[in-house]
Amino acid sequence: RYVEGGFGNDKYDDEGVPVKDIHIIENGILKEI
C-alpha cells in the first residue's frame, strides 16, 4: 500500500493503471496478490 515516506509510492503504474492498496494477508487469511 501507500505509506507516508514510502520509496515505492506512485499514483499510476507503468501501464497507466491506478495504484491500489491491497491486503495480501487480511486477518490471517491470504486474500489478494
PDB file of all heavy atoms in Angstrom:
ATOM      1  N   ARG A   1       0.812  -1.215   0.000  1.00  0.00           N
ATOM      2  CA  ARG A   1       0.000   0.000   0.000  1.00  0.00           C
ATOM      3  C   ARG A   1       0.849   1.270   0.000  1.00  0.00           C
ATOM      4  O   ARG A   1       2.066   1.217   0.149  1.00  0.00           O
ATOM      5  CB  ARG A   1      -0.905   0.001   1.240  1.00  0.00           C
ATOM      6  CG  ARG A   1      -0.155   0.029   2.585  1.00  0.00           C
ATOM      7  CD  ARG A   1      -1.132   0.257   3.720  1.00  0.00           C
ATOM      8  NE  ARG A   1      -0.566   0.159   5.051  1.00  0.00           N
ATOM      9  CZ  ARG A   1       0.019   1.164   5.712  1.00  0.00           C
ATOM     10  NH1 ARG A   1       0.154   2.355   5.133  1.00  0.00           N
ATOM     11  NH2 ARG A   1       0.486   0.989   6.935  1.00  0.00           N
ATOM     12  N   TYR A   2       0.141   2.382  -0.152  1.00  0.00           N
ATOM     13  CA  TYR A   2       0.778   3.685   0.013  1.00  0.00           C
ATOM     14  C   TYR A   2       1.225   3.827   1.463  1.00  0.00           C
ATOM     15  O   TYR A   2       0.485   3.503   2.385  1.00  0.00           O
ATOM     16  CB  TYR A   2      -0.211   4.813  -0.339  1.00  0.00           C
ATOM     17  CG  TYR A   2       0.329   6.183   0.019  1.00  0.00           C
ATOM     18  CD1 TYR A   2       1.162   6.866  -0.860  1.00  0.00           C
ATOM     19  CD2 TYR A   2       0.037   6.754   1.251  1.00  0.00           C
ATOM     20  CE1 TYR A   2       1.683   8.108  -0.522  1.00  0.00           C
ATOM     21  CE2 TYR A   2       0.558   7.991   1.606  1.00  0.00           C
ATOM     22  CZ  TYR A   2       1.375   8.662   0.717  1.00  0.00           C
ATOM     23  OH  TYR A   2       1.899   9.877   1.061  1.00  0.00           O
ATOM     24  N   VAL A   3       2.454   4.300   1.658  1.00  0.00           N
ATOM     25  CA  VAL A   3       2.977   4.545   3.005  1.00  0.00           C
ATOM     26  C   VAL A   3       3.610   5.935   3.009  1.00  0.00           C
ATOM     27  O   VAL A   3       4.327   6.285   2.070  1.00  0.00           O
ATOM     28  CB  VAL A   3       4.055   3.495   3.391  1.00  0.00           C
ATOM     29  CG1 VAL A   3       4.605   3.787   4.785  1.00  0.00           C
ATOM     30  CG2 VAL A   3       3.497   2.088   3.330  1.00  0.00           C
ATOM     31  N   GLU A   4       3.341   6.708   4.031  1.00  0.00           N
ATOM     32  CA  GLU A   4       3.988   8.014   4.170  1.00  0.00           C
ATOM     33  C   GLU A   4       5.501   7.814   4.145  1.00  0.00           C
ATOM     34  O   GLU A   4       6.061   7.068   4.941  1.00  0.00           O
ATOM     35  CB  GLU A   4       3.568   8.646   5.504  1.00  0.00           C
ATOM     36  CG  GLU A   4       4.121  10.038   5.740  1.00  0.00           C
ATOM     37  CD  GLU A   4       3.493  11.108   4.869  1.00  0.00           C
ATOM     38  OE1 GLU A   4       2.279  11.004   4.556  1.00  0.00           O
ATOM     39  OE2 GLU A   4       4.210  12.048   4.506  1.00  0.00           O
ATOM     40  N   GLY A   5       6.175   8.466   3.185  1.00  0.00           N
ATOM     41  CA  GLY A   5       7.627   8.322   3.062  1.00  0.00           C
ATOM     42  C   GLY A   5       8.060   7.062   2.334  1.00  0.00           C
ATOM     43  O   GLY A   5       9.253   6.756   2.256  1.00  0.00           O
ATOM     44  N   GLY A   6       7.110   6.308   1.779  1.00  0.00           N
ATOM     45  CA  GLY A   6       7.440   5.056   1.082  1.00  0.00           C
ATOM     46  C   GLY A   6       8.204   5.287  -0.209  1.00  0.00           C
ATOM     47  O   GLY A   6       7.906   6.203  -0.972  1.00  0.00           O
ATOM     48  N   PHE A   7       9.194   4.435  -0.458  1.00  0.00           N
ATOM     49  CA  PHE A   7      10.038   4.560  -1.651  1.00  0.00           C
ATOM     50  C   PHE A   7       9.332   4.023  -2.892  1.00  0.00           C
ATOM     51  O   PHE A   7       9.757   4.283  -4.010  1.00  0.00           O
ATOM     52  CB  PHE A   7      11.354   3.809  -1.407  1.00  0.00           C
ATOM     53  CG  PHE A   7      12.532   4.353  -2.163  1.00  0.00           C
ATOM     54  CD1 PHE A   7      12.634   5.681  -2.521  1.00  0.00           C
ATOM     55  CD2 PHE A   7      13.588   3.510  -2.502  1.00  0.00           C
ATOM     56  CE1 PHE A   7      13.739   6.183  -3.197  1.00  0.00           C
ATOM     57  CE2 PHE A   7      14.698   3.991  -3.181  1.00  0.00           C
ATOM     58  CZ  PHE A   7      14.778   5.328  -3.525  1.00  0.00           C
ATOM     59  N   GLY A   8       8.253   3.264  -2.685  1.00  0.00           N
ATOM     60  CA  GLY A   8       7.524   2.689  -3.819  1.00  0.00           C
ATOM     61  C   GLY A   8       6.245   3.444  -4.157  1.00  0.00           C
ATOM     62  O   GLY A   8       5.446   2.981  -4.984  1.00  0.00           O
ATOM     63  N   ASN A   9       6.028   4.601  -3.540  1.00  0.00           N
ATOM     64  CA  ASN A   9       4.784   5.353  -3.764  1.00  0.00           C
ATOM     65  C   ASN A   9       4.664   5.836  -5.207  1.00  0.00           C
ATOM     66  O   ASN A   9       5.635   6.309  -5.796  1.00  0.00           O
ATOM     67  CB  ASN A   9       4.726   6.582  -2.840  1.00  0.00           C
ATOM     68  CG  ASN A   9       4.497   6.211  -1.381  1.00  0.00           C
ATOM     69  OD1 ASN A   9       4.104   5.088  -1.079  1.00  0.00           O
ATOM     70  ND2 ASN A   9       4.744   7.154  -0.490  1.00  0.00           N
ATOM     71  N   ASP A  10       3.460   5.745  -5.754  1.00  0.00           N
ATOM     72  CA  ASP A  10       3.155   6.294  -7.081  1.00  0.00           C
ATOM     73  C   ASP A  10       1.641   6.328  -7.244  1.00  0.00           C
ATOM     74  O   ASP A  10       0.923   5.608  -6.551  1.00  0.00           O
ATOM     75  CB  ASP A  10       3.779   5.435  -8.184  1.00  0.00           C
ATOM     76  CG  ASP A  10       4.248   6.272  -9.374  1.00  0.00           C
ATOM     77  OD1 ASP A  10       3.721   7.401  -9.550  1.00  0.00           O
ATOM     78  OD2 ASP A  10       5.122   5.811 -10.126  1.00  0.00           O
ATOM     79  N   LYS A  11       1.171   7.160  -8.158  1.00  0.00           N
ATOM     80  CA  LYS A  11      -0.271   7.256  -8.391  1.00  0.00           C
ATOM     81  C   LYS A  11      -0.728   6.247  -9.445  1.00  0.00           C
ATOM     82  O   LYS A  11      -1.829   5.689  -9.362  1.00  0.00           O
ATOM     83  CB  LYS A  11      -0.636   8.682  -8.831  1.00  0.00           C
ATOM     84  CG  LYS A  11      -2.135   8.943  -8.870  1.00  0.00           C
ATOM     85  CD  LYS A  11      -2.452  10.397  -9.191  1.00  0.00           C
ATOM     86  CE  LYS A  11      -3.956  10.626  -9.261  1.00  0.00           C
ATOM     87  NZ  LYS A  11      -4.295  12.010  -9.648  1.00  0.00           N
ATOM     88  N   TYR A  12       0.119   6.043 -10.465  1.00  0.00           N
ATOM     89  CA  TYR A  12      -0.182   5.086 -11.545  1.00  0.00           C
ATOM     90  C   TYR A  12       1.026   4.182 -11.743  1.00  0.00           C
ATOM     91  O   TYR A  12       2.154   4.567 -11.457  1.00  0.00           O
ATOM     92  CB  TYR A  12      -0.469   5.808 -12.870  1.00  0.00           C
ATOM     93  CG  TYR A  12      -1.603   6.787 -12.806  1.00  0.00           C
ATOM     94  CD1 TYR A  12      -1.358   8.157 -12.654  1.00  0.00           C
ATOM     95  CD2 TYR A  12      -2.931   6.366 -12.893  1.00  0.00           C
ATOM     96  CE1 TYR A  12      -2.393   9.077 -12.593  1.00  0.00           C
ATOM     97  CE2 TYR A  12      -3.977   7.281 -12.830  1.00  0.00           C
ATOM     98  CZ  TYR A  12      -3.710   8.631 -12.686  1.00  0.00           C
ATOM     99  OH  TYR A  12      -4.737   9.530 -12.607  1.00  0.00           O
ATOM    100  N   ASP A  13       0.766   2.981 -12.274  1.00  0.00           N
ATOM    101  CA  ASP A  13       1.901   2.133 -12.625  1.00  0.00           C
ATOM    102  C   ASP A  13       2.329   2.414 -14.061  1.00  0.00           C
ATOM    103  O   ASP A  13       1.822   3.338 -14.707  1.00  0.00           O
ATOM    104  CB  ASP A  13       1.582   0.648 -12.375  1.00  0.00           C
ATOM    105  CG  ASP A  13       0.619   0.034 -13.393  1.00  0.00           C
ATOM    106  OD1 ASP A  13       0.165   0.746 -14.321  1.00  0.00           O
ATOM    107  OD2 ASP A  13       0.319  -1.176 -13.267  1.00  0.00           O
ATOM    108  N   ASP A  14       3.259   1.626 -14.581  1.00  0.00           N
ATOM    109  CA  ASP A  14       3.816   1.906 -15.911  1.00  0.00           C
ATOM    110  C   ASP A  14       2.929   1.391 -17.044  1.00  0.00           C
ATOM    111  O   ASP A  14       3.319   1.443 -18.214  1.00  0.00           O
ATOM    112  CB  ASP A  14       5.234   1.340 -16.015  1.00  0.00           C
ATOM    113  CG  ASP A  14       6.229   2.191 -15.224  1.00  0.00           C
ATOM    114  OD1 ASP A  14       6.021   3.408 -15.129  1.00  0.00           O
ATOM    115  OD2 ASP A  14       7.211   1.635 -14.687  1.00  0.00           O
ATOM    116  N   GLU A  15       1.729   0.898 -16.718  1.00  0.00           N
ATOM    117  CA  GLU A  15       0.715   0.598 -17.729  1.00  0.00           C
ATOM    118  C   GLU A  15      -0.446   1.584 -17.641  1.00  0.00           C
ATOM    119  O   GLU A  15      -1.449   1.423 -18.334  1.00  0.00           O
ATOM    120  CB  GLU A  15       0.187  -0.831 -17.548  1.00  0.00           C
ATOM    121  CG  GLU A  15       1.221  -1.902 -17.829  1.00  0.00           C
ATOM    122  CD  GLU A  15       0.689  -3.321 -17.676  1.00  0.00           C
ATOM    123  OE1 GLU A  15      -0.192  -3.566 -16.825  1.00  0.00           O
ATOM    124  OE2 GLU A  15       1.161  -4.202 -18.422  1.00  0.00           O
ATOM    125  N   GLY A  16      -0.320   2.583 -16.746  1.00  0.00           N
ATOM    126  CA  GLY A  16      -1.382   3.586 -16.595  1.00  0.00           C
ATOM    127  C   GLY A  16      -2.521   3.142 -15.709  1.00  0.00           C
ATOM    128  O   GLY A  16      -3.591   3.753 -15.686  1.00  0.00           O
ATOM    129  N   VAL A  17      -2.297   2.073 -14.924  1.00  0.00           N
ATOM    130  CA  VAL A  17      -3.328   1.580 -14.002  1.00  0.00           C
ATOM    131  C   VAL A  17      -3.173   2.307 -12.665  1.00  0.00           C
ATOM    132  O   VAL A  17      -2.063   2.382 -12.132  1.00  0.00           O
ATOM    133  CB  VAL A  17      -3.181   0.052 -13.780  1.00  0.00           C
ATOM    134  CG1 VAL A  17      -4.205  -0.450 -12.759  1.00  0.00           C
ATOM    135  CG2 VAL A  17      -3.334  -0.690 -15.103  1.00  0.00           C
ATOM    136  N   PRO A  18      -4.261   2.850 -12.101  1.00  0.00           N
ATOM    137  CA  PRO A  18      -4.155   3.482 -10.779  1.00  0.00           C
ATOM    138  C   PRO A  18      -3.633   2.487  -9.736  1.00  0.00           C
ATOM    139  O   PRO A  18      -4.080   1.332  -9.704  1.00  0.00           O
ATOM    140  CB  PRO A  18      -5.600   3.902 -10.462  1.00  0.00           C
ATOM    141  CG  PRO A  18      -6.270   4.007 -11.788  1.00  0.00           C
ATOM    142  CD  PRO A  18      -5.630   2.961 -12.660  1.00  0.00           C
ATOM    143  N   VAL A  19      -2.686   2.913  -8.920  1.00  0.00           N
ATOM    144  CA  VAL A  19      -2.110   2.052  -7.885  1.00  0.00           C
ATOM    145  C   VAL A  19      -3.127   1.880  -6.758  1.00  0.00           C
ATOM    146  O   VAL A  19      -3.612   2.864  -6.196  1.00  0.00           O
ATOM    147  CB  VAL A  19      -0.795   2.653  -7.342  1.00  0.00           C
ATOM    148  CG1 VAL A  19      -0.265   1.814  -6.178  1.00  0.00           C
ATOM    149  CG2 VAL A  19       0.244   2.734  -8.452  1.00  0.00           C
ATOM    150  N   LYS A  20      -3.451   0.629  -6.458  1.00  0.00           N
ATOM    151  CA  LYS A  20      -4.440   0.341  -5.408  1.00  0.00           C
ATOM    152  C   LYS A  20      -3.767  -0.298  -4.203  1.00  0.00           C
ATOM    153  O   LYS A  20      -2.841  -1.103  -4.345  1.00  0.00           O
ATOM    154  CB  LYS A  20      -5.508  -0.619  -5.953  1.00  0.00           C
ATOM    155  CG  LYS A  20      -6.398  -0.001  -7.017  1.00  0.00           C
ATOM    156  CD  LYS A  20      -7.372  -1.011  -7.574  1.00  0.00           C
ATOM    157  CE  LYS A  20      -8.180  -0.401  -8.728  1.00  0.00           C
ATOM    158  NZ  LYS A  20      -8.925  -1.413  -9.474  1.00  0.00           N
ATOM    159  N   ASP A  21      -4.253   0.050  -3.015  1.00  0.00           N
ATOM    160  CA  ASP A  21      -3.819  -0.623  -1.790  1.00  0.00           C
ATOM    161  C   ASP A  21      -4.470  -2.003  -1.749  1.00  0.00           C
ATOM    162  O   ASP A  21      -5.671  -2.134  -2.021  1.00  0.00           O
ATOM    163  CB  ASP A  21      -4.263   0.161  -0.548  1.00  0.00           C
ATOM    164  CG  ASP A  21      -3.547   1.495  -0.405  1.00  0.00           C
ATOM    165  OD1 ASP A  21      -2.568   1.723  -1.143  1.00  0.00           O
ATOM    166  OD2 ASP A  21      -3.963   2.302   0.440  1.00  0.00           O
ATOM    167  N   ILE A  22      -3.678  -3.021  -1.418  1.00  0.00           N
ATOM    168  CA  ILE A  22      -4.255  -4.365  -1.289  1.00  0.00           C
ATOM    169  C   ILE A  22      -3.796  -5.004   0.028  1.00  0.00           C
ATOM    170  O   ILE A  22      -2.746  -4.667   0.554  1.00  0.00           O
ATOM    171  CB  ILE A  22      -3.892  -5.287  -2.484  1.00  0.00           C
ATOM    172  CG1 ILE A  22      -2.371  -5.532  -2.558  1.00  0.00           C
ATOM    173  CG2 ILE A  22      -4.415  -4.735  -3.790  1.00  0.00           C
ATOM    174  CD1 ILE A  22      -1.979  -6.632  -3.538  1.00  0.00           C
ATOM    175  N   HIS A  23      -4.616  -5.927   0.534  1.00  0.00           N
ATOM    176  CA  HIS A  23      -4.238  -6.739   1.686  1.00  0.00           C
ATOM    177  C   HIS A  23      -3.846  -8.122   1.166  1.00  0.00           C
ATOM    178  O   HIS A  23      -4.711  -8.867   0.706  1.00  0.00           O
ATOM    179  CB  HIS A  23      -5.392  -6.878   2.687  1.00  0.00           C
ATOM    180  CG  HIS A  23      -5.722  -5.607   3.403  1.00  0.00           C
ATOM    181  ND1 HIS A  23      -4.756  -4.796   3.946  1.00  0.00           N
ATOM    182  CD2 HIS A  23      -6.917  -5.023   3.683  1.00  0.00           C
ATOM    183  CE1 HIS A  23      -5.334  -3.760   4.521  1.00  0.00           C
ATOM    184  NE2 HIS A  23      -6.643  -3.864   4.370  1.00  0.00           N
ATOM    185  N   ILE A  24      -2.556  -8.427   1.204  1.00  0.00           N
ATOM    186  CA  ILE A  24      -2.114  -9.762   0.794  1.00  0.00           C
ATOM    187  C   ILE A  24      -2.632 -10.778   1.816  1.00  0.00           C
ATOM    188  O   ILE A  24      -3.223 -11.792   1.465  1.00  0.00           O
ATOM    189  CB  ILE A  24      -0.572  -9.809   0.676  1.00  0.00           C
ATOM    190  CG1 ILE A  24      -0.112  -8.865  -0.451  1.00  0.00           C
ATOM    191  CG2 ILE A  24      -0.093 -11.235   0.400  1.00  0.00           C
ATOM    192  CD1 ILE A  24       1.383  -8.631  -0.510  1.00  0.00           C
ATOM    193  N   ILE A  25      -2.406 -10.468   3.092  1.00  0.00           N
ATOM    194  CA  ILE A  25      -2.985 -11.271   4.181  1.00  0.00           C
ATOM    195  C   ILE A  25      -3.905 -10.340   4.968  1.00  0.00           C
ATOM    196  O   ILE A  25      -3.493  -9.255   5.363  1.00  0.00           O
ATOM    197  CB  ILE A  25      -1.894 -11.832   5.115  1.00  0.00           C
ATOM    198  CG1 ILE A  25      -0.907 -12.710   4.342  1.00  0.00           C
ATOM    199  CG2 ILE A  25      -2.516 -12.613   6.274  1.00  0.00           C
ATOM    200  CD1 ILE A  25       0.358 -13.069   5.118  1.00  0.00           C
ATOM    201  N   GLU A  26      -5.154 -10.745   5.143  1.00  0.00           N
ATOM    202  CA  GLU A  26      -6.099  -9.925   5.903  1.00  0.00           C
ATOM    203  C   GLU A  26      -6.673 -10.760   7.038  1.00  0.00           C
ATOM    204  O   GLU A  26      -7.316 -11.788   6.798  1.00  0.00           O
ATOM    205  CB  GLU A  26      -7.225  -9.407   5.008  1.00  0.00           C
ATOM    206  CG  GLU A  26      -8.148  -8.442   5.725  1.00  0.00           C
ATOM    207  CD  GLU A  26      -9.175  -7.816   4.789  1.00  0.00           C
ATOM    208  OE1 GLU A  26      -9.467  -8.407   3.729  1.00  0.00           O
ATOM    209  OE2 GLU A  26      -9.690  -6.751   5.125  1.00  0.00           O
ATOM    210  N   ASN A  27      -6.431 -10.312   8.277  1.00  0.00           N
ATOM    211  CA  ASN A  27      -6.887 -11.053   9.457  1.00  0.00           C
ATOM    212  C   ASN A  27      -6.514 -12.533   9.365  1.00  0.00           C
ATOM    213  O   ASN A  27      -7.318 -13.415   9.666  1.00  0.00           O
ATOM    214  CB  ASN A  27      -8.395 -10.894   9.650  1.00  0.00           C
ATOM    215  CG  ASN A  27      -8.788  -9.431   9.825  1.00  0.00           C
ATOM    216  OD1 ASN A  27      -8.007  -8.650  10.357  1.00  0.00           O
ATOM    217  ND2 ASN A  27      -9.973  -9.073   9.375  1.00  0.00           N
ATOM    218  N   GLY A  28      -5.265 -12.776   8.911  1.00  0.00           N
ATOM    219  CA  GLY A  28      -4.742 -14.137   8.844  1.00  0.00           C
ATOM    220  C   GLY A  28      -5.070 -14.907   7.583  1.00  0.00           C
ATOM    221  O   GLY A  28      -4.540 -15.996   7.349  1.00  0.00           O
ATOM    222  N   ILE A  29      -5.955 -14.361   6.731  1.00  0.00           N
ATOM    223  CA  ILE A  29      -6.372 -15.076   5.509  1.00  0.00           C
ATOM    224  C   ILE A  29      -5.631 -14.515   4.298  1.00  0.00           C
ATOM    225  O   ILE A  29      -5.544 -13.291   4.123  1.00  0.00           O
ATOM    226  CB  ILE A  29      -7.899 -14.954   5.306  1.00  0.00           C
ATOM    227  CG1 ILE A  29      -8.628 -15.694   6.430  1.00  0.00           C
ATOM    228  CG2 ILE A  29      -8.326 -15.511   3.950  1.00  0.00           C
ATOM    229  CD1 ILE A  29     -10.111 -15.413   6.509  1.00  0.00           C
ATOM    230  N   LEU A  30      -5.077 -15.409   3.459  1.00  0.00           N
ATOM    231  CA  LEU A  30      -4.407 -14.990   2.224  1.00  0.00           C
ATOM    232  C   LEU A  30      -5.478 -14.496   1.256  1.00  0.00           C
ATOM    233  O   LEU A  30      -6.306 -15.276   0.789  1.00  0.00           O
ATOM    234  CB  LEU A  30      -3.625 -16.158   1.622  1.00  0.00           C
ATOM    235  CG  LEU A  30      -2.821 -15.831   0.361  1.00  0.00           C
ATOM    236  CD1 LEU A  30      -1.762 -14.773   0.623  1.00  0.00           C
ATOM    237  CD2 LEU A  30      -2.169 -17.092  -0.205  1.00  0.00           C
ATOM    238  N   LYS A  31      -5.459 -13.183   0.973  1.00  0.00           N
ATOM    239  CA  LYS A  31      -6.581 -12.570   0.262  1.00  0.00           C
ATOM    240  C   LYS A  31      -6.252 -12.148  -1.173  1.00  0.00           C
ATOM    241  O   LYS A  31      -6.925 -12.526  -2.122  1.00  0.00           O
ATOM    242  CB  LYS A  31      -7.050 -11.319   1.029  1.00  0.00           C
ATOM    243  CG  LYS A  31      -8.097 -11.607   2.109  1.00  0.00           C
ATOM    244  CD  LYS A  31      -9.467 -11.834   1.477  1.00  0.00           C
ATOM    245  CE  LYS A  31     -10.535 -12.136   2.494  1.00  0.00           C
ATOM    246  NZ  LYS A  31     -10.981 -10.978   3.244  1.00  0.00           N
ATOM    247  N   GLU A  32      -5.243 -11.258  -1.350  1.00  0.00           N
ATOM    248  CA  GLU A  32      -5.016 -10.631  -2.653  1.00  0.00           C
ATOM    249  C   GLU A  32      -3.561 -10.766  -3.081  1.00  0.00           C
ATOM    250  O   GLU A  32      -2.665 -10.859  -2.250  1.00  0.00           O
ATOM    251  CB  GLU A  32      -5.365  -9.135  -2.582  1.00  0.00           C
ATOM    252  CG  GLU A  32      -6.820  -8.850  -2.240  1.00  0.00           C
ATOM    253  CD  GLU A  32      -7.082  -7.352  -2.107  1.00  0.00           C
ATOM    254  OE1 GLU A  32      -6.856  -6.806  -1.014  1.00  0.00           O
ATOM    255  OE2 GLU A  32      -7.495  -6.741  -3.102  1.00  0.00           O
ATOM    256  N   ILE A  33      -3.360 -10.750  -4.394  1.00  0.00           N
ATOM    257  CA  ILE A  33      -2.000 -10.756  -4.929  1.00  0.00           C
ATOM    258  C   ILE A  33      -1.838  -9.604  -5.920  1.00  0.00           C
ATOM    259  O   ILE A  33      -2.797  -8.910  -6.251  1.00  0.00           O
ATOM    260  CB  ILE A  33      -1.640 -12.112  -5.581  1.00  0.00           C
ATOM    261  CG1 ILE A  33      -2.558 -12.417  -6.765  1.00  0.00           C
ATOM    262  CG2 ILE A  33      -1.686 -13.235  -4.548  1.00  0.00           C
ATOM    263  CD1 ILE A  33      -2.152 -13.657  -7.549  1.00  0.00           C
TER     264      ILE A  33
END
